[in-house]
Amino acid sequence: MLIGILTVLLFLGLLTVRLVLLPSEVLTYLQVPTWAFWLFVLGMVTWLIRDET
């Protein structure tokens, strides 16, 4: 359980760093809407948390 939470926090931390360093130009380049990107992130986090419980 604790490992799962730490993994999620680490993942979110890295994601935040990448978004700060590589802003919306990356999403524009990939033609990915921002809402779809965050929906995917939330889905991944939810799946990881559910997998650990």
PDB file of N, CA and C in Angstrom:
ATOM      1  N   MET A   1       0.841  -1.204   0.000  1.00  0.00           N
ATOM      2  CA  MET A   1       0.000   0.000   0.000  1.00  0.00           C
ATOM      3  C   MET A   1       0.876   1.255   0.000  1.00  0.00           C
ATOM      4  N   LEU A   2       1.857   1.279   0.911  1.00  0.00           N
ATOM      5  CA  LEU A   2       2.740   2.439   1.018  1.00  0.00           C
ATOM      6  C   LEU A   2       3.568   2.612  -0.244  1.00  0.00           C
ATOM      7  N   ILE A   3       4.030   1.492  -0.798  1.00  0.00           N
ATOM      8  CA  ILE A   3       4.826   1.547  -2.029  1.00  0.00           C
ATOM      9  C   ILE A   3       3.997   2.133  -3.165  1.00  0.00           C
ATOM     10  N   GLY A   4       2.735   1.759  -3.227  1.00  0.00           N
ATOM     11  CA  GLY A   4       1.859   2.280  -4.277  1.00  0.00           C
ATOM     12  C   GLY A   4       1.689   3.788  -4.177  1.00  0.00           C
ATOM     13  N   ILE A   5       1.496   4.274  -2.941  1.00  0.00           N
ATOM     14  CA  ILE A   5       1.334   5.716  -2.730  1.00  0.00           C
ATOM     15  C   ILE A   5       2.609   6.456  -3.105  1.00  0.00           C
ATOM     16  N   LEU A   6       3.759   5.907  -2.709  1.00  0.00           N
ATOM     17  CA  LEU A   6       5.034   6.534  -3.052  1.00  0.00           C
ATOM     18  C   LEU A   6       5.249   6.546  -4.554  1.00  0.00           C
ATOM     19  N   THR A   7       4.857   5.465  -5.225  1.00  0.00           N
ATOM     20  CA  THR A   7       4.992   5.395  -6.679  1.00  0.00           C
ATOM     21  C   THR A   7       4.148   6.468  -7.344  1.00  0.00           C
ATOM     22  N   VAL A   8       2.907   6.628  -6.857  1.00  0.00           N
ATOM     23  CA  VAL A   8       2.013   7.641  -7.425  1.00  0.00           C
ATOM     24  C   VAL A   8       2.582   9.041  -7.205  1.00  0.00           C
ATOM     25  N   LEU A   9       3.091   9.299  -5.997  1.00  0.00           N
ATOM     26  CA  LEU A   9       3.660  10.617  -5.702  1.00  0.00           C
ATOM     27  C   LEU A   9       4.874  10.897  -6.573  1.00  0.00           C
ATOM     28  N   LEU A  10       5.728   9.895  -6.744  1.00  0.00           N
ATOM     29  CA  LEU A  10       6.908  10.047  -7.588  1.00  0.00           C
ATOM     30  C   LEU A  10       6.501  10.313  -9.023  1.00  0.00           C
ATOM     31  N   PHE A  11       5.510   9.549  -9.491  1.00  0.00           N
ATOM     32  CA  PHE A  11       5.009   9.708 -10.857  1.00  0.00           C
ATOM     33  C   PHE A  11       4.458  11.112 -11.073  1.00  0.00           C
ATOM     34  N   LEU A  12       3.651  11.590 -10.120  1.00  0.00           N
ATOM     35  CA  LEU A  12       3.074  12.931 -10.233  1.00  0.00           C
ATOM     36  C   LEU A  12       4.153  14.006 -10.166  1.00  0.00           C
ATOM     37  N   GLY A  13       5.171  13.773  -9.336  1.00  0.00           N
ATOM     38  CA  GLY A  13       6.276  14.730  -9.240  1.00  0.00           C
ATOM     39  C   GLY A  13       7.022  14.852 -10.555  1.00  0.00           C
ATOM     40  N   LEU A  14       7.358  13.708 -11.146  1.00  0.00           N
ATOM     41  CA  LEU A  14       8.052  13.709 -12.432  1.00  0.00           C
ATOM     42  C   LEU A  14       7.191  14.346 -13.508  1.00  0.00           C
ATOM     43  N   LEU A  15       5.899  14.055 -13.454  1.00  0.00           N
ATOM     44  CA  LEU A  15       4.967  14.603 -14.436  1.00  0.00           C
ATOM     45  C   LEU A  15       4.916  16.126 -14.324  1.00  0.00           C
ATOM     46  N   THR A  16       4.865  16.624 -13.094  1.00  0.00           N
ATOM     47  CA  THR A  16       4.825  18.069 -12.885  1.00  0.00           C
ATOM     48  C   THR A  16       6.090  18.727 -13.418  1.00  0.00           C
ATOM     49  N   VAL A  17       7.238  18.105 -13.141  1.00  0.00           N
ATOM     50  CA  VAL A  17       8.510  18.642 -13.633  1.00  0.00           C
ATOM     51  C   VAL A  17       8.522  18.685 -15.154  1.00  0.00           C
ATOM     52  N   ARG A  18       8.054  17.609 -15.772  1.00  0.00           N
ATOM     53  CA  ARG A  18       8.038  17.562 -17.233  1.00  0.00           C
ATOM     54  C   ARG A  18       7.094  18.608 -17.810  1.00  0.00           C
ATOM     55  N   LEU A  19       5.953  18.810 -17.162  1.00  0.00           N
ATOM     56  CA  LEU A  19       5.001  19.799 -17.664  1.00  0.00           C
ATOM     57  C   LEU A  19       5.533  21.217 -17.496  1.00  0.00           C
ATOM     58  N   VAL A  20       6.304  21.435 -16.429  1.00  0.00           N
ATOM     59  CA  VAL A  20       6.884  22.763 -16.228  1.00  0.00           C
ATOM     60  C   VAL A  20       7.991  23.005 -17.250  1.00  0.00           C
ATOM     61  N   LEU A  21       8.824  21.986 -17.461  1.00  0.00           N
ATOM     62  CA  LEU A  21       9.932  22.136 -18.403  1.00  0.00           C
ATOM     63  C   LEU A  21       9.452  22.098 -19.845  1.00  0.00           C
ATOM     64  N   LEU A  22       8.483  21.233 -20.108  1.00  0.00           N
ATOM     65  CA  LEU A  22       7.953  21.084 -21.465  1.00  0.00           C
ATOM     66  C   LEU A  22       6.472  21.412 -21.453  1.00  0.00           C
ATOM     67  N   PRO A  23       6.132  22.685 -21.558  1.00  0.00           N
ATOM     68  CA  PRO A  23       4.725  23.078 -21.471  1.00  0.00           C
ATOM     69  C   PRO A  23       3.900  22.622 -22.666  1.00  0.00           C
ATOM     70  N   SER A  24       2.790  23.289 -22.876  1.00  0.00           N
ATOM     71  CA  SER A  24       1.774  22.827 -23.819  1.00  0.00           C
ATOM     72  C   SER A  24       2.272  22.637 -25.246  1.00  0.00           C
ATOM     73  N   GLU A  25       3.520  23.077 -25.558  1.00  0.00           N
ATOM     74  CA  GLU A  25       4.033  22.840 -26.906  1.00  0.00           C
ATOM     75  C   GLU A  25       4.072  21.348 -27.205  1.00  0.00           C
ATOM     76  N   VAL A  26       4.411  20.559 -26.185  1.00  0.00           N
ATOM     77  CA  VAL A  26       4.483  19.111 -26.374  1.00  0.00           C
ATOM     78  C   VAL A  26       3.106  18.561 -26.710  1.00  0.00           C
ATOM     79  N   LEU A  27       2.090  18.995 -25.951  1.00  0.00           N
ATOM     80  CA  LEU A  27       0.736  18.530 -26.210  1.00  0.00           C
ATOM     81  C   LEU A  27       0.269  18.978 -27.583  1.00  0.00           C
ATOM     82  N   THR A  28       0.656  20.191 -27.970  1.00  0.00           N
ATOM     83  CA  THR A  28       0.280  20.688 -29.290  1.00  0.00           C
ATOM     84  C   THR A  28       0.957  19.864 -30.375  1.00  0.00           C
ATOM     85  N   TYR A  29       2.221  19.547 -30.161  1.00  0.00           N
ATOM     86  CA  TYR A  29       2.985  18.755 -31.127  1.00  0.00           C
ATOM     87  C   TYR A  29       2.376  17.371 -31.305  1.00  0.00           C
ATOM     88  N   LEU A  30       1.936  16.799 -30.174  1.00  0.00           N
ATOM     89  CA  LEU A  30       1.335  15.463 -30.219  1.00  0.00           C
ATOM     90  C   LEU A  30      -0.131  15.514 -30.607  1.00  0.00           C
ATOM     91  N   GLN A  31      -0.684  16.739 -30.718  1.00  0.00           N
ATOM     92  CA  GLN A  31      -2.103  16.917 -31.030  1.00  0.00           C
ATOM     93  C   GLN A  31      -2.991  16.232 -29.987  1.00  0.00           C
ATOM     94  N   VAL A  32      -2.604  16.354 -28.728  1.00  0.00           N
ATOM     95  CA  VAL A  32      -3.382  15.765 -27.636  1.00  0.00           C
ATOM     96  C   VAL A  32      -4.039  16.892 -26.848  1.00  0.00           C
ATOM     97  N   PRO A  33      -5.364  16.867 -26.718  1.00  0.00           N
ATOM     98  CA  PRO A  33      -6.027  17.889 -25.898  1.00  0.00           C
ATOM     99  C   PRO A  33      -5.581  17.778 -24.443  1.00  0.00           C
ATOM    100  N   THR A  34      -5.462  18.910 -23.775  1.00  0.00           N
ATOM    101  CA  THR A  34      -5.001  18.911 -22.392  1.00  0.00           C
ATOM    102  C   THR A  34      -5.933  18.107 -21.490  1.00  0.00           C
ATOM    103  N   TRP A  35      -7.245  18.233 -21.714  1.00  0.00           N
ATOM    104  CA  TRP A  35      -8.202  17.513 -20.856  1.00  0.00           C
ATOM    105  C   TRP A  35      -8.047  16.007 -21.023  1.00  0.00           C
ATOM    106  N   ALA A  36      -7.784  15.550 -22.251  1.00  0.00           N
ATOM    107  CA  ALA A  36      -7.604  14.110 -22.485  1.00  0.00           C
ATOM    108  C   ALA A  36      -6.338  13.623 -21.790  1.00  0.00           C
ATOM    109  N   PHE A  37      -5.294  14.451 -21.820  1.00  0.00           N
ATOM    110  CA  PHE A  37      -4.033  14.102 -21.164  1.00  0.00           C
ATOM    111  C   PHE A  37      -4.230  13.935 -19.665  1.00  0.00           C
ATOM    112  N   TRP A  38      -4.911  14.905 -19.036  1.00  0.00           N
ATOM    113  CA  TRP A  38      -5.131  14.827 -17.594  1.00  0.00           C
ATOM    114  C   TRP A  38      -6.096  13.702 -17.228  1.00  0.00           C
ATOM    115  N   LEU A  39      -7.045  13.425 -18.129  1.00  0.00           N
ATOM    116  CA  LEU A  39      -7.961  12.315 -17.900  1.00  0.00           C
ATOM    117  C   LEU A  39      -7.184  11.006 -17.855  1.00  0.00           C
ATOM    118  N   PHE A  40      -6.223  10.870 -18.773  1.00  0.00           N
ATOM    119  CA  PHE A  40      -5.359   9.691 -18.801  1.00  0.00           C
ATOM    120  C   PHE A  40      -4.536   9.591 -17.517  1.00  0.00           C
ATOM    121  N   VAL A  41      -3.979  10.720 -17.073  1.00  0.00           N
ATOM    122  CA  VAL A  41      -3.181  10.736 -15.845  1.00  0.00           C
ATOM    123  C   VAL A  41      -4.024  10.320 -14.644  1.00  0.00           C
ATOM    124  N   LEU A  42      -5.224  10.893 -14.537  1.00  0.00           N
ATOM    125  CA  LEU A  42      -6.111  10.542 -13.423  1.00  0.00           C
ATOM    126  C   LEU A  42      -6.489   9.072 -13.466  1.00  0.00           C
ATOM    127  N   GLY A  43      -6.727   8.566 -14.675  1.00  0.00           N
ATOM    128  CA  GLY A  43      -7.047   7.150 -14.828  1.00  0.00           C
ATOM    129  C   GLY A  43      -5.911   6.261 -14.359  1.00  0.00           C
ATOM    130  N   MET A  44      -4.677   6.635 -14.722  1.00  0.00           N
ATOM    131  CA  MET A  44      -3.506   5.863 -14.308  1.00  0.00           C
ATOM    132  C   MET A  44      -3.357   5.868 -12.789  1.00  0.00           C
ATOM    133  N   VAL A  45      -3.505   7.052 -12.186  1.00  0.00           N
ATOM    134  CA  VAL A  45      -3.374   7.170 -10.730  1.00  0.00           C
ATOM    135  C   VAL A  45      -4.441   6.344 -10.027  1.00  0.00           C
ATOM    136  N   THR A  46      -5.678   6.446 -10.501  1.00  0.00           N
ATOM    137  CA  THR A  46      -6.778   5.688  -9.905  1.00  0.00           C
ATOM    138  C   THR A  46      -6.530   4.196 -10.019  1.00  0.00           C
ATOM    139  N   TRP A  47      -6.030   3.772 -11.185  1.00  0.00           N
ATOM    140  CA  TRP A  47      -5.756   2.353 -11.411  1.00  0.00           C
ATOM    141  C   TRP A  47      -4.657   1.862 -10.477  1.00  0.00           C
ATOM    142  N   LEU A  48      -3.609   2.673 -10.295  1.00  0.00           N
ATOM    143  CA  LEU A  48      -2.509   2.297  -9.406  1.00  0.00           C
ATOM    144  C   LEU A  48      -2.987   2.178  -7.967  1.00  0.00           C
ATOM    145  N   ILE A  49      -3.785   3.151  -7.518  1.00  0.00           N
ATOM    146  CA  ILE A  49      -4.279   3.126  -6.139  1.00  0.00           C
ATOM    147  C   ILE A  49      -5.203   1.931  -5.928  1.00  0.00           C
ATOM    148  N   ARG A  50      -6.100   1.685  -6.891  1.00  0.00           N
ATOM    149  CA  ARG A  50      -7.034   0.575  -6.773  1.00  0.00           C
ATOM    150  C   ARG A  50      -6.293  -0.761  -6.798  1.00  0.00           C
ATOM    151  N   ASP A  51      -5.219  -0.815  -7.558  1.00  0.00           N
ATOM    152  CA  ASP A  51      -4.437  -2.039  -7.679  1.00  0.00           C
ATOM    153  C   ASP A  51      -3.743  -2.383  -6.365  1.00  0.00           C
ATOM    154  N   GLU A  52      -3.417  -1.366  -5.578  1.00  0.00           N
ATOM    155  CA  GLU A  52      -2.688  -1.578  -4.333  1.00  0.00           C
ATOM    156  C   GLU A  52      -3.601  -1.971  -3.181  1.00  0.00           C
ATOM    157  N   THR A  53      -4.866  -1.595  -3.235  1.00  0.00           N
ATOM    158  CA  THR A  53      -5.764  -1.867  -2.111  1.00  0.00           C
ATOM    159  C   THR A  53      -6.340  -3.259  -2.201  1.00  0.00           C
TER     160      THR A  53
END
